[in-house]
N, C-alpha and C. Protein backbone atom coordinates (compact mmCIF):
# COMPACT_ATOMS: atom_id res chain seq x y z
N MET A 1 114.10 98.42 57.22
CA MET A 1 114.77 97.88 58.50
C MET A 1 116.34 98.09 58.43
N ILE A 2 116.93 98.49 57.54
CA ILE A 2 118.62 98.55 57.44
C ILE A 2 118.50 100.08 58.01
N LYS A 3 117.58 101.04 57.60
CA LYS A 3 117.80 102.06 58.24
C LYS A 3 117.68 102.50 59.71
N ILE A 4 116.94 101.56 60.10
CA ILE A 4 116.28 101.64 61.42
C ILE A 4 117.66 100.88 62.18
N SER A 5 118.35 100.13 61.72
CA SER A 5 119.61 99.28 62.12
C SER A 5 120.42 100.35 61.85
N ILE A 6 121.04 101.25 60.94
CA ILE A 6 122.10 102.02 61.08
C ILE A 6 121.78 103.21 61.94
N VAL A 7 120.58 103.43 62.41
CA VAL A 7 120.47 104.65 63.27
C VAL A 7 120.66 104.02 64.66
N ALA A 8 119.83 102.74 64.73
CA ALA A 8 120.54 102.36 66.01
C ALA A 8 122.02 101.84 66.45
N LEU A 9 122.63 101.59 65.27
CA LEU A 9 123.93 101.45 65.74
C LEU A 9 124.81 102.63 66.02
N SER A 10 124.37 103.79 65.15
CA SER A 10 124.99 105.02 65.63
C SER A 10 124.63 105.53 66.83
N LEU A 11 123.50 105.33 67.33
CA LEU A 11 123.28 105.89 68.62
C LEU A 11 124.21 104.80 70.01
N VAL A 12 124.23 103.52 69.51
CA VAL A 12 125.24 102.69 70.32
C VAL A 12 126.75 103.29 70.01
N THR A 13 127.24 103.66 69.06
CA THR A 13 128.36 104.19 69.14
C THR A 13 128.62 105.53 69.65
N THR A 14 127.74 106.44 69.45
CA THR A 14 127.68 107.75 70.14
C THR A 14 127.67 107.57 71.76
N ALA A 15 127.02 106.42 72.28
CA ALA A 15 126.97 106.24 73.63
C ALA A 15 128.22 105.66 74.11
N ILE A 16 128.95 104.82 73.33
CA ILE A 16 130.22 104.27 73.65
C ILE A 16 131.25 105.33 73.99
N SER A 17 131.32 106.15 72.98
CA SER A 17 132.39 107.28 72.54
C SER A 17 132.11 108.27 73.70
N ALA A 18 130.82 108.45 74.12
CA ALA A 18 130.67 109.65 75.17
C ALA A 18 131.13 109.16 76.35
N SER A 19 131.54 108.03 76.92
CA SER A 19 131.74 107.40 77.74
C SER A 19 133.42 107.39 77.92
N ASP A 20 134.05 107.48 76.92
CA ASP A 20 135.50 107.65 76.98
C ASP A 20 136.08 108.84 77.47
N MET A 21 137.41 108.95 78.01
CA MET A 21 137.65 109.99 78.81
C MET A 21 139.07 110.26 78.39
N SER A 22 139.77 111.19 78.82
CA SER A 22 141.07 111.45 78.53
C SER A 22 141.64 112.23 80.13
N ILE A 23 142.76 111.40 80.40
CA ILE A 23 143.47 111.98 81.77
C ILE A 23 144.73 112.70 81.36
N ASP A 24 144.54 113.90 82.05
CA ASP A 24 146.35 114.63 82.13
C ASP A 24 146.98 114.45 83.24
N MET A 25 147.99 113.73 82.38
CA MET A 25 149.22 113.27 83.49
C MET A 25 150.29 114.23 83.87
N THR A 26 150.48 114.09 84.94
CA THR A 26 151.77 115.32 85.55
C THR A 26 152.90 114.80 86.19
N ASP A 27 154.04 115.04 85.55
CA ASP A 27 155.40 114.68 86.24
C ASP A 27 155.66 115.08 87.58
N LEU A 28 155.41 114.09 88.39
CA LEU A 28 155.62 114.86 89.82
C LEU A 28 156.57 115.37 90.25
N GLN A 29 157.89 115.58 90.04
CA GLN A 29 158.87 115.92 90.16
C GLN A 29 158.83 117.47 89.59
N SER A 30 158.56 117.52 88.49
CA SER A 30 158.62 118.81 87.88
C SER A 30 157.51 119.72 87.87
N GLY A 31 156.12 118.82 87.82
CA GLY A 31 154.85 119.68 87.94
C GLY A 31 154.61 119.83 86.60
N LYS A 32 155.23 119.40 85.57
CA LYS A 32 154.85 119.60 84.25
C LYS A 32 154.29 118.50 83.73
N SER A 33 153.28 118.77 82.45
CA SER A 33 152.74 117.96 82.02
C SER A 33 153.45 116.91 81.45
N ALA A 34 153.26 115.43 81.48
CA ALA A 34 153.65 114.49 80.68
C ALA A 34 152.89 114.03 79.53
N GLY A 35 151.75 114.61 79.36
CA GLY A 35 150.79 114.20 78.23
C GLY A 35 149.59 113.66 78.83
N THR A 36 148.98 112.99 77.98
CA THR A 36 147.81 112.28 78.56
C THR A 36 147.68 110.99 77.91
N ILE A 37 146.50 110.50 78.84
CA ILE A 37 146.31 108.77 78.39
C ILE A 37 144.57 108.95 78.30
N SER A 38 144.36 108.27 77.26
CA SER A 38 142.87 108.31 76.68
C SER A 38 142.44 107.06 77.17
N VAL A 39 141.19 106.74 77.55
CA VAL A 39 140.93 105.63 78.05
C VAL A 39 139.52 105.18 77.49
N SER A 40 139.48 103.76 77.30
CA SER A 40 138.11 103.33 76.55
C SER A 40 137.37 101.93 77.12
N GLN A 41 136.31 101.48 76.85
CA GLN A 41 136.16 100.22 77.35
C GLN A 41 135.61 99.94 75.98
N ASN A 42 135.95 98.29 76.00
CA ASN A 42 135.95 97.83 74.80
C ASN A 42 135.45 96.33 75.70
N GLU A 43 135.00 95.25 74.84
CA GLU A 43 134.40 94.01 75.37
C GLU A 43 135.66 93.24 75.89
N TYR A 44 136.82 93.47 75.88
CA TYR A 44 137.75 92.90 76.65
C TYR A 44 138.52 93.55 77.87
N GLY A 45 137.85 94.82 78.21
CA GLY A 45 138.14 95.65 79.32
C GLY A 45 138.34 96.88 79.03
N VAL A 46 139.22 97.65 79.71
CA VAL A 46 139.61 99.16 79.61
C VAL A 46 140.89 99.10 78.89
N VAL A 47 140.77 100.14 77.83
CA VAL A 47 142.24 100.15 77.23
C VAL A 47 142.44 101.61 77.43
N PHE A 48 143.89 101.47 78.20
CA PHE A 48 144.64 102.96 78.64
C PHE A 48 145.42 103.05 77.26
N THR A 49 145.55 104.54 76.67
CA THR A 49 146.23 104.58 75.73
C THR A 49 146.84 105.99 75.44
N PRO A 50 148.34 105.78 75.75
CA PRO A 50 149.33 106.68 76.79
C PRO A 50 149.55 107.55 75.37
N ASN A 51 149.76 108.70 75.73
CA ASN A 51 150.42 109.80 74.95
C ASN A 51 151.50 110.69 75.49
N LEU A 52 152.34 109.93 76.02
CA LEU A 52 153.38 110.84 77.18
C LEU A 52 154.78 111.11 76.54
N SER A 53 155.33 111.61 77.24
CA SER A 53 156.90 111.91 76.64
C SER A 53 157.79 112.43 77.83
N ASP A 54 159.10 112.36 77.49
CA ASP A 54 160.25 112.84 78.66
C ASP A 54 160.09 111.95 79.64
N LEU A 55 159.68 110.64 79.51
CA LEU A 55 159.94 109.68 80.64
C LEU A 55 161.07 108.55 80.48
N PRO A 56 161.35 107.99 81.80
CA PRO A 56 162.53 106.92 81.49
C PRO A 56 162.21 106.08 80.81
N ALA A 57 162.86 105.43 79.85
CA ALA A 57 162.78 104.27 79.05
C ALA A 57 162.58 103.02 79.92
N GLY A 58 161.76 101.96 79.21
CA GLY A 58 161.63 100.94 80.30
C GLY A 58 160.14 100.57 80.47
N LEU A 59 160.12 99.63 81.33
CA LEU A 59 158.54 99.16 81.82
C LEU A 59 158.60 99.73 83.01
N HIS A 60 157.44 100.24 83.41
CA HIS A 60 156.88 101.11 84.37
C HIS A 60 155.65 100.34 85.20
N GLY A 61 155.86 100.35 86.49
CA GLY A 61 154.40 100.03 87.15
C GLY A 61 153.44 100.87 86.88
N PHE A 62 152.04 100.29 86.55
CA PHE A 62 151.08 101.44 86.12
C PHE A 62 149.79 100.97 87.21
N HIS A 63 149.25 101.69 88.03
CA HIS A 63 148.18 101.16 88.45
C HIS A 63 147.06 102.39 88.67
N ILE A 64 145.71 101.85 89.22
CA ILE A 64 144.53 102.79 89.70
C ILE A 64 145.21 102.79 91.10
N HIS A 65 144.90 104.06 91.46
CA HIS A 65 145.30 104.46 93.22
C HIS A 65 143.85 104.89 93.54
N VAL A 66 143.70 104.54 94.86
CA VAL A 66 142.19 104.90 95.28
C VAL A 66 141.66 106.29 95.40
N ASN A 67 142.79 107.49 95.88
CA ASN A 67 142.16 108.50 95.87
C ASN A 67 142.23 109.55 94.20
N ASN A 68 141.30 110.35 94.29
CA ASN A 68 141.32 111.44 93.21
C ASN A 68 142.67 112.55 93.42
N SER A 69 143.59 112.15 93.78
CA SER A 69 144.46 113.59 94.06
C SER A 69 146.12 112.87 93.72
N CYS A 70 146.59 113.81 93.29
CA CYS A 70 148.18 113.42 92.97
C CYS A 70 149.22 114.51 93.87
N ASP A 71 148.74 115.21 94.86
CA ASP A 71 148.97 115.83 95.57
C ASP A 71 150.36 115.11 96.55
N SER A 72 151.55 115.42 97.04
CA SER A 72 152.31 115.08 97.95
C SER A 72 151.63 115.07 99.46
N SER A 73 152.32 113.99 100.00
CA SER A 73 151.81 113.51 101.31
C SER A 73 152.96 113.60 102.17
N GLU A 74 152.69 113.15 103.40
CA GLU A 74 154.02 112.87 104.32
C GLU A 74 153.98 111.69 104.69
N LYS A 75 155.07 110.91 105.02
CA LYS A 75 155.01 109.47 105.74
C LYS A 75 156.20 109.31 106.16
N ASP A 76 156.40 109.02 107.43
CA ASP A 76 157.52 108.94 108.47
C ASP A 76 158.36 110.42 108.36
N GLY A 77 157.84 111.42 108.40
CA GLY A 77 158.61 112.54 108.10
C GLY A 77 159.15 112.92 106.94
N LYS A 78 159.01 112.29 105.61
CA LYS A 78 159.47 112.32 104.34
C LYS A 78 158.12 112.73 103.52
N THR A 79 158.60 113.58 102.56
CA THR A 79 157.51 113.71 101.44
C THR A 79 157.42 112.95 100.59
N VAL A 80 156.17 112.38 100.07
CA VAL A 80 156.09 111.34 99.32
C VAL A 80 155.31 112.10 98.18
N PRO A 81 155.76 112.29 96.85
CA PRO A 81 155.12 112.85 95.82
C PRO A 81 153.93 111.97 95.42
N GLY A 82 153.02 112.78 95.11
CA GLY A 82 151.63 111.59 94.62
C GLY A 82 151.07 110.61 95.84
N GLY A 83 151.65 110.94 96.95
CA GLY A 83 151.38 110.07 97.91
C GLY A 83 149.80 110.20 98.40
N ALA A 84 149.29 111.62 98.14
CA ALA A 84 147.87 111.48 98.64
C ALA A 84 146.73 110.80 97.71
N ALA A 85 147.11 110.23 96.70
CA ALA A 85 146.80 109.23 95.68
C ALA A 85 146.43 107.65 96.77
N GLY A 86 146.84 107.81 97.78
CA GLY A 86 146.73 106.52 98.67
C GLY A 86 147.19 105.40 97.73
N GLY A 87 146.83 104.11 98.13
CA GLY A 87 147.39 102.99 97.64
C GLY A 87 146.76 102.52 96.20
N HIS A 88 146.68 101.14 95.86
CA HIS A 88 146.33 100.72 94.76
C HIS A 88 144.71 100.39 94.86
N TYR A 89 143.94 100.69 94.28
CA TYR A 89 142.75 100.59 94.33
C TYR A 89 142.13 99.15 94.75
N ASP A 90 141.79 98.83 95.76
CA ASP A 90 141.53 96.99 96.33
C ASP A 90 140.06 97.29 96.90
N PRO A 91 138.76 97.43 95.89
CA PRO A 91 137.50 97.39 96.56
C PRO A 91 136.97 96.16 97.06
N MET A 92 137.58 95.09 96.86
CA MET A 92 137.29 93.84 97.27
C MET A 92 137.88 93.53 98.53
N LYS A 93 139.02 94.45 99.06
CA LYS A 93 140.06 94.13 100.29
C LYS A 93 140.71 93.08 100.19
N THR A 94 141.58 92.93 99.24
CA THR A 94 142.17 91.66 99.19
C THR A 94 143.72 91.65 99.96
N GLY A 95 144.23 93.12 99.73
CA GLY A 95 145.25 93.31 100.53
C GLY A 95 146.59 92.77 99.88
N LYS A 96 146.30 92.51 98.45
CA LYS A 96 147.54 91.53 97.76
C LYS A 96 147.74 92.38 96.34
N HIS A 97 148.90 92.39 95.86
CA HIS A 97 149.32 92.69 94.63
C HIS A 97 149.45 91.63 93.57
N GLY A 98 148.88 91.54 92.73
CA GLY A 98 149.03 90.51 91.62
C GLY A 98 148.96 90.88 90.24
N PHE A 99 148.71 90.09 89.54
CA PHE A 99 148.25 90.14 88.08
C PHE A 99 147.19 90.86 87.59
N PRO A 100 147.11 91.55 86.33
CA PRO A 100 145.92 92.32 86.08
C PRO A 100 145.04 91.42 85.91
N TRP A 101 144.74 90.11 85.42
CA TRP A 101 144.02 89.36 84.87
C TRP A 101 143.46 88.37 86.18
N SER A 102 144.08 88.35 87.40
CA SER A 102 143.95 87.56 88.42
C SER A 102 142.85 88.02 89.21
N THR A 103 141.80 87.10 90.00
CA THR A 103 140.99 87.77 91.05
C THR A 103 141.02 87.77 92.20
N ASP A 104 142.15 87.48 92.76
CA ASP A 104 142.31 87.63 94.30
C ASP A 104 143.52 88.75 94.62
N ASN A 105 143.41 89.74 93.99
CA ASN A 105 144.16 90.99 94.09
C ASN A 105 143.70 92.40 93.87
N HIS A 106 144.54 93.33 93.92
CA HIS A 106 143.79 94.80 93.71
C HIS A 106 143.30 94.69 92.51
N LEU A 107 142.19 95.58 92.43
CA LEU A 107 141.58 95.76 91.16
C LEU A 107 142.35 96.62 90.34
N GLY A 108 143.21 97.37 90.80
CA GLY A 108 144.04 98.50 90.42
C GLY A 108 145.20 97.99 89.82
N ASP A 109 145.66 97.01 89.91
CA ASP A 109 146.83 96.32 89.48
C ASP A 109 146.57 96.23 87.96
N LEU A 110 147.63 97.13 87.08
CA LEU A 110 147.40 96.93 85.73
C LEU A 110 148.68 96.34 85.11
N PRO A 111 148.53 96.16 83.77
CA PRO A 111 149.89 96.10 83.05
C PRO A 111 150.74 97.03 83.37
N PRO A 112 151.99 96.65 82.80
CA PRO A 112 152.86 97.73 83.05
C PRO A 112 152.88 98.87 82.00
N MET A 113 153.36 99.85 82.10
CA MET A 113 153.18 101.01 80.78
C MET A 113 154.78 100.92 80.39
N TYR A 114 154.90 100.69 78.74
CA TYR A 114 156.20 100.54 77.87
C TYR A 114 156.53 102.00 77.53
N VAL A 115 157.77 102.43 77.93
CA VAL A 115 158.26 103.79 77.47
C VAL A 115 159.44 103.53 76.52
N GLY A 116 159.65 103.98 75.54
CA GLY A 116 160.53 103.47 74.58
C GLY A 116 161.76 104.59 74.50
N MET A 117 162.96 104.13 73.86
CA MET A 117 164.11 104.85 74.33
C MET A 117 164.00 106.02 74.09
N ASP A 118 162.87 106.84 72.94
CA ASP A 118 162.80 108.24 72.81
C ASP A 118 162.09 108.82 74.04
N GLY A 119 161.97 108.13 75.01
CA GLY A 119 161.15 108.52 76.36
C GLY A 119 159.52 108.90 76.09
N ASN A 120 159.32 108.30 74.88
CA ASN A 120 157.64 108.37 74.69
C ASN A 120 156.84 107.18 74.84
N ALA A 121 155.70 107.23 75.62
CA ALA A 121 154.91 106.23 75.57
C ALA A 121 153.75 106.28 74.84
N VAL A 122 153.48 105.21 74.09
CA VAL A 122 152.38 105.26 73.08
C VAL A 122 151.68 103.99 73.01
N GLN A 123 151.83 103.08 73.39
CA GLN A 123 151.82 101.49 73.24
C GLN A 123 150.26 101.41 74.51
N PRO A 124 149.16 101.07 73.87
CA PRO A 124 147.98 100.93 74.62
C PRO A 124 148.13 99.93 75.56
N VAL A 125 147.61 100.00 76.74
CA VAL A 125 147.35 98.70 78.09
C VAL A 125 145.94 98.36 78.09
N LEU A 126 145.77 96.97 78.14
CA LEU A 126 144.48 96.35 78.50
C LEU A 126 144.26 95.89 79.75
N ALA A 127 143.36 96.41 80.65
CA ALA A 127 143.18 95.98 81.99
C ALA A 127 141.79 95.18 81.63
N PRO A 128 141.90 93.69 81.92
CA PRO A 128 140.91 93.05 81.54
C PRO A 128 139.91 93.00 82.63
N LYS A 129 140.30 93.13 83.88
CA LYS A 129 139.27 92.91 84.75
C LYS A 129 138.37 94.54 85.30
N VAL A 130 138.80 95.64 84.57
CA VAL A 130 138.54 97.13 85.16
C VAL A 130 137.35 97.40 83.98
N LYS A 131 136.30 98.42 84.41
CA LYS A 131 135.04 98.85 83.72
C LYS A 131 135.61 100.50 84.18
N LEU A 132 135.03 100.89 83.11
CA LEU A 132 134.95 102.65 83.18
C LEU A 132 134.41 103.12 84.26
N ALA A 133 133.37 102.28 85.01
CA ALA A 133 132.84 103.04 86.17
C ALA A 133 133.78 102.94 87.23
N ASP A 134 134.53 101.71 87.11
CA ASP A 134 135.72 101.72 88.31
C ASP A 134 136.60 102.87 88.51
N LEU A 135 136.73 103.78 87.55
CA LEU A 135 137.71 104.77 87.49
C LEU A 135 137.32 106.08 87.84
N ALA A 136 136.33 106.54 88.17
CA ALA A 136 135.55 107.70 88.75
C ALA A 136 136.08 108.10 90.16
N GLY A 137 136.77 109.33 90.30
CA GLY A 137 137.24 109.50 91.97
C GLY A 137 138.78 108.81 92.09
N ARG A 138 139.24 108.43 91.16
CA ARG A 138 140.40 107.86 91.33
C ARG A 138 141.56 108.49 91.12
N ALA A 139 142.80 107.93 90.57
CA ALA A 139 144.30 108.39 90.02
C ALA A 139 144.63 107.22 89.50
N LEU A 140 145.41 107.85 88.25
CA LEU A 140 146.33 106.82 87.56
C LEU A 140 147.69 107.13 87.85
N MET A 141 148.46 106.14 88.42
CA MET A 141 149.97 106.43 88.63
C MET A 141 150.62 105.58 87.68
N ILE A 142 152.27 105.96 87.53
CA ILE A 142 153.26 105.31 86.55
C ILE A 142 154.22 105.57 87.63
N HIS A 143 154.95 104.48 88.06
CA HIS A 143 155.83 104.29 88.86
C HIS A 143 157.05 104.31 88.19
N ALA A 144 158.13 104.59 88.91
CA ALA A 144 159.67 104.56 88.37
C ALA A 144 160.28 103.31 87.90
N GLY A 145 159.65 102.33 88.56
CA GLY A 145 160.54 101.09 88.17
C GLY A 145 159.33 99.86 87.58
N GLY A 146 159.46 98.90 87.05
CA GLY A 146 159.03 98.14 86.56
C GLY A 146 157.73 97.21 87.78
N ASP A 147 157.11 96.20 87.38
CA ASP A 147 156.27 95.83 88.55
C ASP A 147 156.20 94.07 88.17
N ASN A 148 156.64 93.23 89.30
CA ASN A 148 156.71 92.02 89.22
C ASN A 148 155.36 91.25 89.62
N HIS A 149 154.20 91.71 89.61
CA HIS A 149 152.85 91.70 90.05
C HIS A 149 152.70 90.60 91.30
N SER A 150 153.88 91.04 92.11
CA SER A 150 153.83 90.24 93.68
C SER A 150 154.09 91.01 94.59
N ASP A 151 154.01 90.66 95.97
CA ASP A 151 154.26 91.16 97.08
C ASP A 151 155.64 90.88 97.65
N ASN A 152 156.26 89.98 96.81
CA ASN A 152 157.86 89.61 97.05
C ASN A 152 158.80 89.76 95.85
N PRO A 153 160.17 89.85 96.08
CA PRO A 153 160.64 90.41 97.17
C PRO A 153 160.40 91.75 97.76
N LYS A 154 159.45 92.59 97.00
CA LYS A 154 159.18 93.82 97.49
C LYS A 154 157.86 94.17 97.47
N ALA A 155 157.17 94.59 98.33
CA ALA A 155 155.92 95.02 98.22
C ALA A 155 155.39 95.82 96.87
N LEU A 156 153.98 95.31 96.61
CA LEU A 156 153.48 96.48 95.70
C LEU A 156 153.98 96.02 94.22
N GLY A 157 154.94 95.27 94.06
CA GLY A 157 155.44 94.67 92.81
C GLY A 157 156.74 95.33 92.68
N GLY A 158 157.19 96.08 93.67
CA GLY A 158 158.48 96.91 93.47
C GLY A 158 158.63 97.94 92.71
N GLY A 159 157.65 98.65 92.27
CA GLY A 159 157.74 99.78 91.37
C GLY A 159 158.52 100.80 91.83
N GLY A 160 158.40 101.03 93.02
CA GLY A 160 159.26 101.99 93.93
C GLY A 160 158.76 103.42 93.48
N ALA A 161 159.09 104.53 93.24
CA ALA A 161 158.78 105.69 93.61
C ALA A 161 157.71 106.26 92.20
N ARG A 162 156.84 107.31 92.89
CA ARG A 162 155.69 107.56 92.17
C ARG A 162 156.17 108.70 91.06
N LEU A 163 156.01 108.42 89.66
CA LEU A 163 156.87 109.30 89.18
C LEU A 163 155.89 110.21 88.20
N VAL A 164 154.48 109.60 87.55
CA VAL A 164 153.49 110.59 86.95
C VAL A 164 152.29 110.08 87.28
N CYS A 165 151.30 111.10 87.45
CA CYS A 165 150.13 110.95 88.13
C CYS A 165 148.98 111.74 87.31
N GLY A 166 147.94 111.08 87.42
CA GLY A 166 146.60 111.83 86.65
C GLY A 166 145.36 111.50 87.37
N VAL A 167 144.90 112.88 87.62
CA VAL A 167 143.23 112.55 88.40
C VAL A 167 142.51 112.22 87.64
N ILE A 168 141.45 111.37 88.00
CA ILE A 168 140.47 110.89 87.39
C ILE A 168 139.18 111.16 87.73
N ASN A 169 138.55 112.48 87.01
CA ASN A 169 137.34 113.21 87.22
C ASN A 169 136.05 112.31 86.86
């Protein structure tokens, strides 16, 4: 019986780790690699574990965007780096920016990404509402500024420019 339990446990562990992924993140200004973000599912949600460098220190807005592209787009006659990623992932069509744990806002609203004074981001971010299945065909975006998890005083948390992006396949 113990042997069967050990075999079953190892099969479950293999199935879980097989669904983990790593996302290559690109600095949208330079086009150079900023590092990777590893993604895994646990009983509390999805964990995003960054291994990023050469970023401005502080808290940064961090979101799942609807399209799987980090290309630039044009808006009002201006080039928007990472604009092809579209808006925050919002499958329930709430049209509202909010907290990562609330249910009346974009599913793509994640907790902020912390970057240390050395320019490195290594602290995991837990997204309690997200499942790995929600990520396929989307983009991860790190914004230049922080995120107040509201549409006031600025829309979409006030995170500002798109700084680093990664396509989720």
